[in-house]
Amino acid sequence: MAIENLFDSASSVMTVVSFTTFVGILWWTFSRSNKDFDAAANLPFADEALDYPVEAGVAKEERSHV
């Protein structure tokens, strides 16, 4: 009898903890500004100049044929 009450209480506590976590994730997702996402979206293009350094002397046309 006592163990059944313990499992019922644990189940209720885990339901509340899970719901609170879900609401926290939703709040964290929608409270962020778009600047963070815009900066992250442009990261792949940030090092484009480093992919083909000017010192190599390779013309743009030559790169496309390789």
C-alpha atoms as a PDB file:
ATOM      1  CA  MET A   1       0.000   0.000   0.000  1.00  0.00           C
ATOM      2  CA  ALA A   2       2.760   2.464   0.911  1.00  0.00           C
ATOM      3  CA  ILE A   3       4.752   1.636  -2.218  1.00  0.00           C
ATOM      4  CA  GLU A   4       1.711   2.305  -4.416  1.00  0.00           C
ATOM      5  CA  ASN A   5       1.331   5.758  -2.870  1.00  0.00           C
ATOM      6  CA  LEU A   6       5.015   6.414  -3.494  1.00  0.00           C
ATOM      7  CA  PHE A   7       4.680   5.491  -7.172  1.00  0.00           C
ATOM      8  CA  ASP A   8       1.544   7.622  -7.534  1.00  0.00           C
ATOM      9  CA  SER A   9       3.334  10.606  -6.000  1.00  0.00           C
ATOM     10  CA  ALA A  10       6.423  10.071  -8.166  1.00  0.00           C
ATOM     11  CA  SER A  11       4.257   9.893 -11.272  1.00  0.00           C
ATOM     12  CA  SER A  12       2.541  13.158 -10.392  1.00  0.00           C
ATOM     13  CA  VAL A  13       5.846  14.865  -9.642  1.00  0.00           C
ATOM     14  CA  MET A  14       7.378  13.701 -12.932  1.00  0.00           C
ATOM     15  CA  THR A  15       4.326  14.960 -14.835  1.00  0.00           C
ATOM     16  CA  VAL A  16       4.701  18.413 -13.278  1.00  0.00           C
ATOM     17  CA  VAL A  17       8.475  18.447 -13.880  1.00  0.00           C
ATOM     18  CA  SER A  18       8.017  17.402 -17.523  1.00  0.00           C
ATOM     19  CA  PHE A  19       5.347  20.025 -18.151  1.00  0.00           C
ATOM     20  CA  THR A  20       7.470  22.716 -16.500  1.00  0.00           C
ATOM     21  CA  THR A  21      10.437  21.725 -18.662  1.00  0.00           C
ATOM     22  CA  PHE A  22       8.279  21.855 -21.797  1.00  0.00           C
ATOM     23  CA  VAL A  23       6.960  25.313 -20.937  1.00  0.00           C
ATOM     24  CA  GLY A  24      10.518  26.465 -20.169  1.00  0.00           C
ATOM     25  CA  ILE A  25      11.758  25.284 -23.559  1.00  0.00           C
ATOM     26  CA  LEU A  26       8.884  27.066 -25.298  1.00  0.00           C
ATOM     27  CA  TRP A  27       9.612  30.284 -23.382  1.00  0.00           C
ATOM     28  CA  TRP A  28      13.353  30.058 -24.184  1.00  0.00           C
ATOM     29  CA  THR A  29      12.646  29.458 -27.870  1.00  0.00           C
ATOM     30  CA  PHE A  30      10.202  32.293 -28.414  1.00  0.00           C
ATOM     31  CA  SER A  31      11.861  34.857 -26.145  1.00  0.00           C
ATOM     32  CA  ARG A  32      15.088  35.021 -28.145  1.00  0.00           C
ATOM     33  CA  SER A  33      15.624  37.874 -30.558  1.00  0.00           C
ATOM     34  CA  ASN A  34      15.944  37.326 -34.286  1.00  0.00           C
ATOM     35  CA  LYS A  35      19.413  38.886 -34.245  1.00  0.00           C
ATOM     36  CA  ASP A  36      20.830  35.722 -32.721  1.00  0.00           C
ATOM     37  CA  PHE A  37      19.301  33.568 -35.426  1.00  0.00           C
ATOM     38  CA  ASP A  38      20.315  35.940 -38.224  1.00  0.00           C
ATOM     39  CA  ALA A  39      23.919  35.909 -37.049  1.00  0.00           C
ATOM     40  CA  ALA A  40      23.921  32.111 -36.851  1.00  0.00           C
ATOM     41  CA  ALA A  41      22.373  31.818 -40.313  1.00  0.00           C
ATOM     42  CA  ASN A  42      25.186  33.882 -41.830  1.00  0.00           C
ATOM     43  CA  LEU A  43      28.022  31.931 -40.219  1.00  0.00           C
ATOM     44  CA  PRO A  44      28.652  29.625 -43.226  1.00  0.00           C
ATOM     45  CA  PHE A  45      29.282  32.688 -45.394  1.00  0.00           C
ATOM     46  CA  ALA A  46      31.590  34.425 -42.918  1.00  0.00           C
ATOM     47  CA  ASP A  47      34.723  32.533 -43.951  1.00  0.00           C
ATOM     48  CA  GLU A  48      34.102  32.584 -47.690  1.00  0.00           C
ATOM     49  CA  ALA A  49      36.984  35.002 -48.198  1.00  0.00           C
ATOM     50  CA  LEU A  50      39.306  32.607 -46.395  1.00  0.00           C
ATOM     51  CA  ASP A  51      38.441  29.716 -48.723  1.00  0.00           C
ATOM     52  CA  TYR A  52      40.174  31.359 -51.677  1.00  0.00           C
ATOM     53  CA  PRO A  53      42.966  33.636 -50.460  1.00  0.00           C
ATOM     54  CA  VAL A  54      44.190  36.382 -52.772  1.00  0.00           C
ATOM     55  CA  GLU A  55      47.830  35.352 -52.217  1.00  0.00           C
ATOM     56  CA  ALA A  56      47.326  32.076 -54.088  1.00  0.00           C
ATOM     57  CA  GLY A  57      46.999  33.922 -57.377  1.00  0.00           C
ATOM     58  CA  VAL A  58      44.379  31.538 -58.684  1.00  0.00           C
ATOM     59  CA  ALA A  59      41.854  33.176 -60.951  1.00  0.00           C
ATOM     60  CA  LYS A  60      38.177  32.613 -60.354  1.00  0.00           C
ATOM     61  CA  GLU A  61      37.825  30.905 -63.738  1.00  0.00           C
ATOM     62  CA  GLU A  62      40.606  28.435 -62.915  1.00  0.00           C
ATOM     63  CA  ARG A  63      38.933  27.479 -59.644  1.00  0.00           C
ATOM     64  CA  SER A  64      35.720  26.565 -61.409  1.00  0.00           C
ATOM     65  CA  HIS A  65      37.533  24.124 -63.722  1.00  0.00           C
ATOM     66  CA  VAL A  66      39.258  22.212 -60.950  1.00  0.00           C
END
